[in-house]
Amino acid sequence: MISAHAKLTRRFLMGACASLIVVSSAMPALAQAVKDLPRIEKKNGKAALFVDGAPYLILGAQANNSSNYVSQLPKVWPGLKDIHANTLEIPVAWEQIEPKEGQFDFSYVDELVKQARANNVRLVLLWFGTWKNTSPNYTPDWVKLDNKRFPRITKKDGTVSYCLSPMERTTLEADKKAFVALMTHLKKIDGDQHTVIMIQPQNESGTYGSVRDYSAKAEKVFAGQVPAALLKKKGITKGGTWSQVFGKYADEYFHAWYIASYINEIAAAGRKVYDLPMFVNAALREPLVEVGPETYSSGGPTHNVIDIYQAAAPAIDIIAPDIYKRNSANYEAALSHYTKHNNPLFVPETGSDTEFARYIFSVLGRGGIGFAPFGIDYTGYTNYPLGGKDITYEGLKPFREKYALFAPMMRDWAKIAYEKPVWGVAEADDRKPQSIDLGGKWKVDVMYGEWQFGLTEWTWLGKFDPVPGREKPNGGIVIAQLSEDEFLVTGVHARLNFGVGDKQKGKNLIFSAVEQGHFENGKWVVDFVWNGDQTDYGLNLTGEPAILKIKLATY
């Protein structure tokens, strides 16, 4: 007969074994969740955002700053749906989660994540802490109203700036504590689902009206030696003080280094508890004109200090531009600046007006991981003239027609762009044709304002109507090279005339195949074949949204 003690022992062992089985079976899933954390990967000069273990293209929309309240969220999701966005960028303000020091409230974050899942949308959270458009307006009252404990920058003339100083440990430690609390909470509620795929710690850091902090504390550090990590990044062998090493650039470089170092410490502490990819965003410096730091947000991640941010902030994956330049020359120049220093291209904030939508082709044609217009919600607020004034279903059409191309194949495009050569152009302000060299063997000329058939220069037909919907430049294309003679093509309001490149001079081009189709489970599926009228006058991407797979040949 089995004793009571033996029975209890057997029950305990059976329970323990069952528990071990449950834990053991759960361990692979937990390990997979950790392995598949969102991350930025780089190879061969390219970058991709991986989400759930595969490349992911951010077709983004950034909500208005004051839409970060539960009462406003119902007005946010319809705007995203109307443009086919897959990712919402939205603030989490320090004052929201820690209104009283040491007392945290994550009810907004919980509801935001819950509603994002219900709407099948991923999240990029924007931490509005020490800097939001360079100011401390989104810090709690106990921070922004206590200038003794949390000092502001001292200007060169001795007056006080509006901006908090990056030289103060008290401010840094308080911001870091709140940010770590946020990241800890995100891991708790989302660590296995990854609704939140990326974080922006701080927003448009830097200072207007003062090149740097001139407080006694800052002056003492400024008189010291330039950090070795920065000397190494710049390729400088001889050290010295900031003025000795950098001359007229010393003040701005000093400010950029200490702001970037401040952000890095916060980001690194957050990643230690929950390792999501992180980026910083920049209020732009003039991209085509040489200007002094007194004219822009000195110390912020402007294009002239990208390398300084990379050296000071290794916890940051991407230095990203916020672009509100409507002019195509300025926009393209800004994109070029932010692809230097092996920096992944991501435009987390751009204007919401018609002209801005075309630039998604320029971004993706440079291998960009994402694009997001600002103020895409139906709260009634617009930032016109910086962005658009018609934030309605009809007003958002320029973004809807572009996103509609990529939404069904966003995973496929992201993978192809990471592994294959890609090109893209947006219609320039002068609306002239553009040429792309596709590796020497092939080339393509991109034209705008043509009908699907024939040429506008055909005077023998008499006068005919102009192509509608062309009041502003709104065209563009992207091309990915799948193999030597095979390309994936899409775009809007554009005509593509392919030709032979310099490596095949004297030969004549012919289309071996032009297939319109779509992707299913990563595989290309042909819907129908273009021929005759649809190819005799170039490939016209002016009708219904079309994804083409073409094969070129010569005769």
Protein backbone atom coordinates (compact mmCIF):
# COMPACT_ATOMS: atom_id res chain seq x y z
CA MET A 1 0.00 0.00 0.00
CA ILE A 2 1.38 3.43 -0.98
CA SER A 3 1.85 5.82 1.90
CA ALA A 4 0.36 9.32 1.93
CA HIS A 5 3.87 10.72 1.81
CA ALA A 6 4.69 8.66 -1.27
CA LYS A 7 1.47 9.81 -2.98
CA LEU A 8 2.28 13.43 -2.27
CA THR A 9 5.82 12.92 -3.53
CA ARG A 10 4.56 11.30 -6.74
CA ARG A 11 2.04 14.12 -7.31
CA PHE A 12 4.76 16.70 -6.78
CA LEU A 13 7.11 14.98 -9.22
CA MET A 14 4.35 14.58 -11.81
CA GLY A 15 3.44 18.26 -11.45
CA ALA A 16 7.07 19.27 -11.70
CA CYS A 17 7.53 17.16 -14.82
CA ALA A 18 4.40 18.66 -16.36
CA SER A 19 5.67 22.13 -15.55
CA LEU A 20 9.01 21.30 -17.11
CA ILE A 21 7.26 20.06 -20.24
CA VAL A 22 5.23 23.28 -20.48
CA VAL A 23 8.30 25.43 -19.89
CA SER A 24 10.37 23.38 -22.34
CA SER A 25 7.71 23.63 -25.03
CA ALA A 26 7.40 27.37 -24.45
CA MET A 27 11.15 28.00 -24.61
CA PRO A 28 11.47 27.67 -28.43
CA ALA A 29 8.60 30.14 -28.86
CA LEU A 30 10.20 32.58 -26.43
CA ALA A 31 13.57 32.14 -28.11
CA GLN A 32 11.96 32.75 -31.50
CA ALA A 33 10.23 35.89 -30.21
CA VAL A 34 13.58 37.26 -29.02
CA LYS A 35 15.28 36.23 -32.27
CA ASP A 36 12.57 37.89 -34.33
CA LEU A 37 12.65 41.21 -32.50
CA PRO A 38 12.44 44.07 -35.01
CA ARG A 39 15.94 45.05 -36.09
CA ILE A 40 17.93 46.92 -38.70
CA GLU A 41 20.22 44.75 -40.81
CA LYS A 42 22.93 45.98 -43.18
CA LYS A 43 24.84 44.22 -45.93
CA ASN A 44 26.62 45.26 -49.12
CA GLY A 45 25.86 48.92 -48.52
CA LYS A 46 22.14 48.26 -48.11
CA ALA A 47 19.82 48.21 -45.12
CA ALA A 48 16.46 46.68 -44.23
CA LEU A 49 14.08 46.79 -41.31
CA PHE A 50 13.26 43.24 -40.26
CA VAL A 51 9.91 42.66 -38.56
CA ASP A 52 8.86 39.14 -37.56
CA GLY A 53 12.00 37.79 -39.17
CA ALA A 54 11.55 39.29 -42.65
CA PRO A 55 12.14 42.66 -44.38
CA TYR A 56 9.35 45.16 -43.83
CA LEU A 57 8.56 48.35 -45.76
CA ILE A 58 7.15 51.21 -43.69
CA LEU A 59 4.23 52.75 -45.57
CA GLY A 60 3.80 55.20 -42.77
CA ALA A 61 1.60 58.00 -41.56
CA GLN A 62 2.44 60.28 -38.67
CA ALA A 63 -0.46 61.54 -36.59
CA ASN A 64 -0.68 65.10 -35.36
CA ASN A 65 1.17 65.72 -32.11
CA SER A 66 -2.01 66.18 -30.08
CA SER A 67 -3.57 63.00 -31.42
CA ASN A 68 -1.70 61.06 -28.75
CA TYR A 69 -4.73 60.79 -26.49
CA VAL A 70 -7.24 57.96 -26.26
CA SER A 71 -10.10 60.32 -27.15
CA GLN A 72 -8.42 61.17 -30.47
CA LEU A 73 -7.39 57.69 -31.63
CA PRO A 74 -10.74 56.92 -33.35
CA LYS A 75 -9.98 59.87 -35.67
CA VAL A 76 -6.53 58.49 -36.53
CA TRP A 77 -7.19 54.99 -37.88
CA PRO A 78 -9.52 55.98 -40.75
CA GLY A 79 -6.84 58.26 -42.24
CA LEU A 80 -4.32 55.43 -42.23
CA LYS A 81 -6.81 53.07 -43.84
CA ASP A 82 -7.64 55.62 -46.53
CA ILE A 83 -4.03 55.83 -47.74
CA HIS A 84 -3.22 52.10 -47.27
CA ALA A 85 -0.66 52.83 -44.54
CA ASN A 86 0.68 49.88 -42.57
CA THR A 87 2.46 51.84 -39.81
CA LEU A 88 1.44 54.66 -37.50
CA GLU A 89 4.02 57.04 -36.06
CA ILE A 90 2.63 58.67 -32.93
CA PRO A 91 4.04 60.46 -29.87
CA VAL A 92 4.34 59.26 -26.33
CA ALA A 93 5.03 62.38 -24.26
CA TRP A 94 7.01 62.33 -21.04
CA GLU A 95 4.30 64.46 -19.39
CA GLN A 96 1.73 61.77 -20.27
CA ILE A 97 3.38 58.82 -18.59
CA GLU A 98 5.02 60.58 -15.59
CA PRO A 99 2.88 63.60 -14.70
CA LYS A 100 4.13 63.32 -11.12
CA GLU A 101 7.70 62.31 -10.49
CA GLY A 102 8.03 58.58 -9.94
CA GLN A 103 4.34 57.88 -10.70
CA PHE A 104 3.84 56.26 -14.09
CA ASP A 105 0.63 55.95 -16.08
CA PHE A 106 0.70 53.76 -19.20
CA SER A 107 -3.05 53.65 -19.86
CA TYR A 108 -2.67 55.59 -23.14
CA VAL A 109 0.12 53.29 -24.31
CA ASP A 110 -1.95 50.21 -23.47
CA GLU A 111 -4.96 51.47 -25.41
CA LEU A 112 -2.79 52.61 -28.34
CA VAL A 113 -1.22 49.17 -28.71
CA LYS A 114 -4.61 47.47 -28.33
CA GLN A 115 -6.23 49.63 -31.03
CA ALA A 116 -3.24 49.29 -33.38
CA ARG A 117 -3.60 45.52 -33.25
CA ALA A 118 -7.34 45.78 -33.88
CA ASN A 119 -6.61 47.92 -36.95
CA ASN A 120 -3.78 45.65 -38.17
CA VAL A 121 -1.27 48.50 -37.96
CA ARG A 122 2.28 48.53 -36.59
CA LEU A 123 3.56 51.37 -34.42
CA VAL A 124 6.62 53.60 -34.38
CA LEU A 125 6.63 55.47 -31.08
CA LEU A 126 8.05 58.98 -30.87
CA TRP A 127 9.42 59.81 -27.41
CA PHE A 128 8.84 63.48 -26.68
CA GLY A 129 11.21 64.06 -23.79
CA THR A 130 14.02 66.59 -23.32
CA TRP A 131 13.64 67.69 -26.95
CA LYS A 132 10.52 68.02 -29.05
CA ASN A 133 11.25 70.33 -31.98
CA THR A 134 14.17 71.42 -29.73
CA SER A 135 11.88 72.56 -26.87
CA PRO A 136 10.90 70.96 -23.51
CA ASN A 137 7.17 71.62 -23.98
CA TYR A 138 6.28 67.92 -23.61
CA THR A 139 8.20 67.40 -20.39
CA PRO A 140 6.20 67.26 -17.13
CA ASP A 141 5.68 70.46 -15.16
CA TRP A 142 8.04 69.22 -12.47
CA VAL A 143 10.79 69.34 -15.11
CA LYS A 144 10.06 72.31 -17.35
CA LEU A 145 9.17 74.64 -14.46
CA ASP A 146 12.21 73.85 -12.32
CA ASN A 147 15.10 75.64 -13.96
CA LYS A 148 17.30 75.20 -10.91
CA ARG A 149 17.15 71.42 -10.93
CA PHE A 150 16.86 71.08 -14.71
CA PRO A 151 18.89 74.01 -16.12
CA ARG A 152 18.38 75.47 -19.53
CA ILE A 153 21.13 76.44 -21.93
CA THR A 154 22.99 79.67 -21.26
CA LYS A 155 23.45 81.75 -24.38
CA LYS A 156 26.73 83.44 -25.27
CA ASP A 157 25.42 86.79 -23.99
CA GLY A 158 24.58 85.21 -20.61
CA THR A 159 20.80 85.10 -21.10
CA VAL A 160 18.80 81.89 -20.68
CA SER A 161 17.59 79.85 -23.65
CA TYR A 162 14.24 78.06 -23.85
CA CYS A 163 16.14 74.79 -24.46
CA LEU A 164 17.24 72.35 -21.75
CA SER A 165 20.99 71.82 -21.48
CA PRO A 166 22.50 68.51 -22.63
CA MET A 167 25.28 69.01 -20.06
CA GLU A 168 23.08 68.32 -17.01
CA ARG A 169 23.04 64.87 -15.42
CA THR A 170 19.88 65.61 -13.45
CA THR A 171 17.86 66.10 -16.64
CA LEU A 172 19.47 63.14 -18.36
CA GLU A 173 18.83 60.80 -15.45
CA ALA A 174 15.19 61.87 -15.12
CA ASP A 175 14.53 61.47 -18.87
CA LYS A 176 16.34 58.13 -18.91
CA LYS A 177 14.34 56.81 -15.96
CA ALA A 178 11.05 57.61 -17.70
CA PHE A 179 12.20 56.18 -21.02
CA VAL A 180 13.39 52.95 -19.43
CA ALA A 181 10.04 52.65 -17.67
CA LEU A 182 8.33 53.00 -21.04
CA MET A 183 10.54 50.39 -22.70
CA THR A 184 10.06 48.01 -19.76
CA HIS A 185 6.30 48.37 -20.08
CA LEU A 186 6.42 47.83 -23.85
CA LYS A 187 8.32 44.60 -23.38
CA LYS A 188 5.72 43.46 -20.87
CA ILE A 189 2.69 44.15 -23.09
CA ASP A 190 4.21 43.67 -26.56
CA GLY A 191 7.39 41.66 -26.24
CA ASP A 192 5.87 38.64 -27.97
CA GLN A 193 3.77 40.42 -30.64
CA HIS A 194 5.97 43.31 -31.82
CA THR A 195 3.18 45.75 -32.58
CA VAL A 196 5.75 48.46 -31.82
CA ILE A 197 8.55 48.04 -34.36
CA MET A 198 10.77 51.07 -33.81
CA ILE A 199 11.37 53.94 -31.39
CA GLN A 200 12.43 57.55 -31.88
CA PRO A 201 14.03 58.76 -28.60
CA GLN A 202 13.61 62.56 -28.63
CA ASN A 203 12.28 64.64 -31.51
CA GLU A 204 14.25 67.12 -33.63
CA SER A 205 16.92 67.76 -31.03
CA GLY A 206 19.14 70.83 -31.15
CA THR A 207 18.81 74.49 -30.29
CA TYR A 208 17.61 77.57 -32.14
CA GLY A 209 19.10 80.91 -31.16
CA SER A 210 22.28 79.57 -29.58
CA VAL A 211 24.97 77.52 -31.27
CA ARG A 212 25.68 75.71 -27.98
CA ASP A 213 25.51 75.94 -24.21
CA TYR A 214 27.86 78.63 -22.81
CA SER A 215 27.25 77.89 -19.12
CA ALA A 216 30.24 77.63 -16.79
CA LYS A 217 29.87 73.84 -16.81
CA ALA A 218 29.81 73.72 -20.61
CA GLU A 219 32.75 76.12 -20.94
CA LYS A 220 34.89 73.92 -18.73
CA VAL A 221 34.16 70.86 -20.87
CA PHE A 222 34.62 72.85 -24.10
CA ALA A 223 38.13 73.77 -22.95
CA GLY A 224 38.95 70.08 -22.51
CA GLN A 225 40.09 67.46 -25.01
CA VAL A 226 38.02 66.23 -27.95
CA PRO A 227 36.90 62.61 -27.25
CA ALA A 228 39.05 59.94 -28.90
CA ALA A 229 36.01 58.27 -30.52
CA LEU A 230 35.23 61.45 -32.44
CA LEU A 231 38.84 61.94 -33.53
CA LYS A 232 38.85 58.37 -34.83
CA LYS A 233 35.56 58.83 -36.70
CA LYS A 234 36.87 61.99 -38.33
CA GLY A 235 40.21 60.39 -39.15
CA ILE A 236 42.09 62.98 -37.08
CA THR A 237 45.36 61.79 -35.55
CA LYS A 238 46.30 64.81 -33.44
CA GLY A 239 44.05 65.65 -30.51
CA GLY A 240 43.49 68.90 -28.65
CA THR A 241 40.71 71.13 -27.39
CA TRP A 242 37.55 71.61 -29.39
CA SER A 243 38.75 74.96 -30.74
CA GLN A 244 42.20 73.59 -31.60
CA VAL A 245 40.83 70.61 -33.48
CA PHE A 246 37.74 72.04 -35.19
CA GLY A 247 38.28 75.79 -35.42
CA LYS A 248 35.17 77.64 -36.61
CA TYR A 249 33.10 74.45 -36.42
CA ALA A 250 34.05 73.77 -32.79
CA ASP A 251 30.91 75.22 -31.15
CA GLU A 252 28.45 73.31 -33.31
CA TYR A 253 30.40 70.04 -33.25
CA PHE A 254 30.67 70.27 -29.46
CA HIS A 255 26.92 70.77 -29.13
CA ALA A 256 26.16 67.93 -31.56
CA TRP A 257 28.49 65.56 -29.70
CA TYR A 258 26.94 66.19 -26.30
CA ILE A 259 23.34 66.10 -27.51
CA ALA A 260 24.05 62.86 -29.39
CA SER A 261 25.82 61.40 -26.34
CA TYR A 262 22.85 62.37 -24.15
CA ILE A 263 20.39 60.68 -26.53
CA ASN A 264 22.64 57.65 -26.83
CA GLU A 265 22.70 57.08 -23.08
CA ILE A 266 18.90 57.17 -22.97
CA ALA A 267 18.54 54.93 -26.02
CA ALA A 268 21.12 52.42 -24.78
CA ALA A 269 19.41 52.16 -21.38
CA GLY A 270 16.06 51.55 -23.12
CA ARG A 271 17.51 48.94 -25.46
CA LYS A 272 19.08 47.13 -22.53
CA VAL A 273 15.61 46.26 -21.25
CA TYR A 274 13.91 45.92 -24.66
CA ASP A 275 16.09 45.96 -27.75
CA LEU A 276 13.99 47.68 -30.42
CA PRO A 277 15.66 49.59 -33.28
CA MET A 278 15.94 53.34 -32.74
CA PHE A 279 16.40 56.42 -34.88
CA VAL A 280 16.74 60.17 -34.46
CA ASN A 281 15.09 62.74 -36.72
CA ALA A 282 16.43 66.07 -37.93
CA ALA A 283 14.97 69.48 -38.53
CA LEU A 284 16.80 70.16 -41.78
CA ARG A 285 19.75 72.38 -42.44
CA GLU A 286 19.55 73.99 -45.90
CA PRO A 287 20.52 71.13 -48.25
CA LEU A 288 21.80 73.22 -51.18
CA VAL A 289 23.06 76.43 -49.55
CA GLU A 290 25.93 76.80 -47.10
CA VAL A 291 24.55 78.45 -43.97
CA GLY A 292 25.72 78.97 -40.41
CA PRO A 293 24.42 77.08 -37.34
CA GLU A 294 22.68 80.20 -36.07
CA THR A 295 20.10 79.68 -38.85
CA TYR A 296 18.99 76.13 -37.95
CA SER A 297 18.77 73.76 -35.00
CA SER A 298 22.43 73.69 -33.99
CA GLY A 299 23.49 70.42 -32.41
CA GLY A 300 20.66 68.46 -33.99
CA PRO A 301 21.32 65.59 -36.43
CA THR A 302 21.69 67.84 -39.48
CA HIS A 303 23.46 66.45 -42.52
CA ASN A 304 26.83 68.04 -41.69
CA VAL A 305 27.09 66.18 -38.36
CA ILE A 306 25.74 62.72 -39.27
CA ASP A 307 29.17 61.21 -38.64
CA ILE A 308 29.36 62.91 -35.24
CA TYR A 309 26.02 61.38 -34.24
CA GLN A 310 27.19 57.97 -35.42
CA ALA A 311 30.33 58.23 -33.31
CA ALA A 312 28.57 59.55 -30.20
CA ALA A 313 25.39 57.45 -30.45
CA PRO A 314 26.06 53.83 -31.46
CA ALA A 315 22.70 52.86 -29.91
CA ILE A 316 20.98 54.77 -32.74
CA ASP A 317 20.46 52.84 -35.99
CA ILE A 318 19.35 55.64 -38.31
CA ILE A 319 19.83 59.39 -38.65
CA ALA A 320 16.63 60.45 -40.43
CA PRO A 321 15.55 63.68 -42.16
CA ASP A 322 12.20 65.42 -41.67
CA ILE A 323 11.67 66.97 -45.10
CA TYR A 324 9.24 69.81 -45.79
CA LYS A 325 11.05 71.18 -48.83
CA ARG A 326 8.53 71.14 -51.67
CA ASN A 327 11.16 72.06 -54.25
CA SER A 328 12.43 68.91 -55.97
CA ALA A 329 16.09 69.97 -56.09
CA ASN A 330 16.12 70.59 -52.33
CA TYR A 331 14.25 67.38 -51.55
CA GLU A 332 16.54 65.22 -53.65
CA ALA A 333 19.62 66.88 -52.16
CA ALA A 334 18.37 66.15 -48.63
CA LEU A 335 17.87 62.49 -49.53
CA SER A 336 21.39 62.31 -50.94
CA HIS A 337 22.85 63.82 -47.75
CA TYR A 338 21.15 61.23 -45.55
CA THR A 339 22.39 58.25 -47.56
CA LYS A 340 26.03 59.10 -46.81
CA HIS A 341 28.15 57.51 -44.06
CA ASN A 342 26.41 54.16 -44.66
CA ASN A 343 23.30 55.64 -43.05
CA PRO A 344 20.04 53.76 -43.84
CA LEU A 345 17.49 56.02 -45.52
CA PHE A 346 14.19 56.59 -43.75
CA VAL A 347 11.93 59.65 -44.09
CA PRO A 348 9.83 59.56 -40.90
CA GLU A 349 8.20 62.91 -41.51
CA THR A 350 7.35 64.85 -44.66
CA GLY A 351 4.67 67.19 -45.92
CA SER A 352 1.11 66.04 -46.53
CA ASP A 353 0.43 68.14 -49.63
CA THR A 354 0.17 66.82 -53.20
CA GLU A 355 3.78 67.53 -54.22
CA PHE A 356 5.25 65.47 -51.40
CA ALA A 357 3.68 62.12 -52.31
CA ARG A 358 5.84 61.70 -55.42
CA TYR A 359 9.02 61.55 -53.36
CA ILE A 360 8.24 58.04 -52.13
CA PHE A 361 9.70 56.90 -55.47
CA SER A 362 12.94 58.76 -54.82
CA VAL A 363 13.16 57.30 -51.30
CA LEU A 364 12.48 53.70 -52.34
CA GLY A 365 14.66 54.07 -55.42
CA ARG A 366 17.54 54.76 -53.05
CA GLY A 367 16.75 51.63 -51.05
CA GLY A 368 14.85 53.49 -48.32
CA ILE A 369 13.12 51.49 -45.59
CA GLY A 370 10.10 53.78 -45.25
CA PHE A 371 8.27 57.04 -45.80
CA ALA A 372 5.63 58.88 -43.76
CA PRO A 373 3.68 62.12 -44.33
CA PHE A 374 2.83 64.16 -41.24
CA GLY A 375 -0.63 64.97 -39.86
CA ILE A 376 -2.57 62.09 -41.39
CA ASP A 377 -5.64 61.98 -39.21
CA TYR A 378 -9.15 63.42 -39.22
CA THR A 379 -8.86 65.60 -36.11
CA GLY A 380 -9.35 68.78 -38.15
CA TYR A 381 -5.84 70.16 -37.58
CA THR A 382 -3.52 70.85 -40.52
CA ASN A 383 -0.06 72.41 -40.58
CA TYR A 384 -0.59 74.24 -43.89
CA PRO A 385 1.41 75.89 -45.48
CA LEU A 386 4.14 73.53 -44.25
CA GLY A 387 1.95 70.61 -45.31
CA GLY A 388 -1.43 70.22 -46.96
CA LYS A 389 -4.64 72.02 -46.09
CA ASP A 390 -7.02 69.34 -47.40
CA ILE A 391 -6.66 66.37 -45.06
CA THR A 392 -9.73 64.51 -46.30
CA TYR A 393 -10.27 61.32 -48.26
CA GLU A 394 -10.05 63.28 -51.50
CA GLY A 395 -7.15 65.42 -50.35
CA LEU A 396 -5.12 62.33 -49.46
CA LYS A 397 -5.51 60.80 -52.94
CA PRO A 398 -1.88 61.53 -53.97
CA PHE A 399 -0.63 59.33 -51.14
CA ARG A 400 -3.35 56.72 -51.57
CA GLU A 401 -2.48 56.07 -55.22
CA LYS A 402 1.22 55.63 -54.41
CA TYR A 403 0.74 53.47 -51.32
CA ALA A 404 -1.75 51.31 -53.23
CA LEU A 405 1.11 50.12 -55.43
CA PHE A 406 3.27 48.93 -52.56
CA ALA A 407 0.78 47.84 -49.89
CA PRO A 408 0.00 44.43 -51.48
CA MET A 409 3.72 43.70 -51.98
CA MET A 410 5.37 45.59 -49.14
CA ARG A 411 7.19 42.50 -47.85
CA ASP A 412 8.20 41.47 -51.36
CA TRP A 413 9.49 44.92 -52.28
CA ALA A 414 11.39 45.25 -49.00
CA LYS A 415 13.13 41.91 -49.62
CA ILE A 416 13.91 42.67 -53.25
CA ALA A 417 15.24 46.15 -52.43
CA TYR A 418 17.52 44.67 -49.76
CA GLU A 419 18.94 42.03 -52.09
CA LYS A 420 18.82 43.56 -55.58
CA PRO A 421 19.76 46.83 -57.33
CA VAL A 422 16.95 49.41 -57.30
CA TRP A 423 16.41 52.80 -58.90
CA GLY A 424 13.70 55.42 -58.68
CA VAL A 425 12.84 58.95 -59.68
CA ALA A 426 10.16 61.46 -58.76
CA GLU A 427 8.89 63.93 -61.32
CA ALA A 428 10.95 67.10 -60.99
CA ASP A 429 9.49 70.58 -60.75
CA ASP A 430 10.53 71.32 -64.35
CA ARG A 431 8.57 68.18 -65.38
CA LYS A 432 11.24 67.25 -67.91
CA PRO A 433 12.11 63.65 -68.85
CA GLN A 434 14.66 61.82 -66.69
CA SER A 435 17.14 59.10 -67.62
CA ILE A 436 18.33 56.16 -65.53
CA ASP A 437 21.36 53.99 -66.32
CA LEU A 438 20.40 50.45 -65.35
CA GLY A 439 23.92 49.12 -64.91
CA GLY A 440 25.30 49.84 -68.37
CA LYS A 441 23.47 47.16 -70.35
CA TRP A 442 20.09 48.85 -70.28
CA LYS A 443 18.71 52.32 -69.69
CA VAL A 444 15.31 53.90 -69.33
CA ASP A 445 13.91 57.36 -70.04
CA VAL A 446 11.00 58.47 -67.88
CA MET A 447 8.47 60.92 -69.33
CA TYR A 448 5.45 62.63 -67.81
CA GLY A 449 2.19 64.05 -69.11
CA GLU A 450 1.63 61.55 -71.93
CA TRP A 451 -1.54 59.63 -72.67
CA GLN A 452 -1.39 55.83 -72.69
CA PHE A 453 -1.28 55.78 -76.47
CA GLY A 454 0.82 57.83 -78.88
CA LEU A 455 2.71 61.06 -78.34
CA THR A 456 1.59 64.57 -77.45
CA GLU A 457 3.82 65.86 -80.25
CA TRP A 458 1.57 64.28 -82.89
CA THR A 459 0.29 67.47 -84.45
CA TRP A 460 -1.35 65.59 -87.34
CA LEU A 461 -4.11 64.53 -84.93
CA GLY A 462 -4.95 68.14 -84.27
CA LYS A 463 -5.49 69.58 -80.81
CA PHE A 464 -6.39 67.15 -78.05
CA ASP A 465 -7.00 67.35 -74.33
CA PRO A 466 -4.16 67.44 -71.81
CA VAL A 467 -3.84 64.49 -69.44
CA PRO A 468 -6.08 65.20 -66.41
CA GLY A 469 -4.89 65.34 -62.82
CA ARG A 470 -1.59 66.96 -63.73
CA GLU A 471 -1.93 70.37 -62.10
CA LYS A 472 1.15 69.69 -59.94
CA PRO A 473 4.11 67.32 -60.40
CA ASN A 474 2.87 63.96 -59.11
CA GLY A 475 4.59 61.22 -61.10
CA GLY A 476 7.38 58.79 -60.41
CA ILE A 477 8.65 55.25 -60.85
CA VAL A 478 10.77 52.60 -59.17
CA ILE A 479 12.65 49.75 -60.82
CA ALA A 480 14.26 46.67 -59.28
CA GLN A 481 16.64 44.45 -61.22
CA LEU A 482 15.66 40.82 -60.67
CA SER A 483 18.29 39.37 -63.02
CA GLU A 484 20.52 40.68 -65.80
CA ASP A 485 17.66 41.30 -68.23
CA GLU A 486 14.63 41.14 -65.95
CA PHE A 487 13.11 44.02 -64.00
CA LEU A 488 10.20 44.74 -61.67
CA VAL A 489 8.58 48.09 -62.46
CA THR A 490 5.85 50.24 -60.94
CA GLY A 491 4.89 53.90 -60.71
CA VAL A 492 2.21 56.47 -61.49
CA HIS A 493 1.68 59.28 -64.01
CA ALA A 494 4.76 58.23 -65.97
CA ARG A 495 5.89 56.61 -69.22
CA LEU A 496 8.98 54.39 -69.38
CA ASN A 497 10.94 54.10 -72.61
CA PHE A 498 13.55 51.37 -72.24
CA GLY A 499 16.64 51.27 -74.42
CA VAL A 500 20.05 49.64 -74.76
CA GLY A 501 22.89 51.02 -72.66
CA ASP A 502 26.47 51.81 -73.59
CA LYS A 503 27.46 48.14 -73.30
CA GLN A 504 25.11 47.23 -76.18
CA LYS A 505 25.50 50.12 -78.59
CA GLY A 506 24.29 49.30 -82.08
CA LYS A 507 21.71 46.77 -80.94
CA ASN A 508 17.95 47.21 -80.91
CA LEU A 509 15.71 46.57 -77.90
CA ILE A 510 12.64 44.40 -77.88
CA PHE A 511 10.41 43.30 -75.04
CA SER A 512 10.71 39.57 -74.52
CA ALA A 513 7.85 39.76 -72.03
CA VAL A 514 5.80 42.40 -70.18
CA GLU A 515 3.67 40.78 -67.50
CA GLN A 516 1.24 42.54 -65.19
CA GLY A 517 0.77 40.62 -61.98
CA HIS A 518 1.06 40.42 -58.23
CA PHE A 519 2.86 38.51 -55.49
CA GLU A 520 1.34 35.62 -53.56
CA ASN A 521 3.36 34.12 -50.71
CA GLY A 522 6.50 35.62 -52.19
CA LYS A 523 5.89 34.21 -55.67
CA TRP A 524 5.11 36.22 -58.80
CA VAL A 525 1.68 35.51 -60.29
CA VAL A 526 0.88 36.69 -63.83
CA ASP A 527 -2.51 38.35 -64.28
CA PHE A 528 -2.14 39.11 -68.00
CA VAL A 529 0.46 40.09 -70.61
CA TRP A 530 0.95 43.53 -72.13
CA ASN A 531 1.58 43.66 -75.86
CA GLY A 532 0.99 45.70 -78.99
CA ASP A 533 -0.71 49.00 -78.19
CA GLN A 534 0.30 48.77 -74.52
CA THR A 535 4.03 48.52 -75.32
CA ASP A 536 4.51 50.25 -78.67
CA TYR A 537 4.67 53.69 -77.06
CA GLY A 538 6.61 52.81 -73.95
CA LEU A 539 5.23 51.37 -70.75
CA ASN A 540 2.56 53.77 -69.55
CA LEU A 541 1.83 53.74 -65.82
CA THR A 542 -1.04 56.18 -66.10
CA GLY A 543 -4.11 53.99 -65.65
CA GLU A 544 -5.05 51.57 -62.90
CA PRO A 545 -2.28 50.65 -60.44
CA ALA A 546 0.05 48.18 -62.13
CA ILE A 547 3.04 46.07 -61.11
CA LEU A 548 5.02 44.90 -64.14
CA LYS A 549 7.66 42.25 -64.56
CA ILE A 550 9.52 42.81 -67.79
CA LYS A 551 12.22 40.93 -69.66
CA LEU A 552 14.37 42.82 -72.15
CA ALA A 553 16.13 41.42 -75.22
CA THR A 554 17.86 42.67 -78.38
CA TYR A 555 17.69 41.88 -82.07
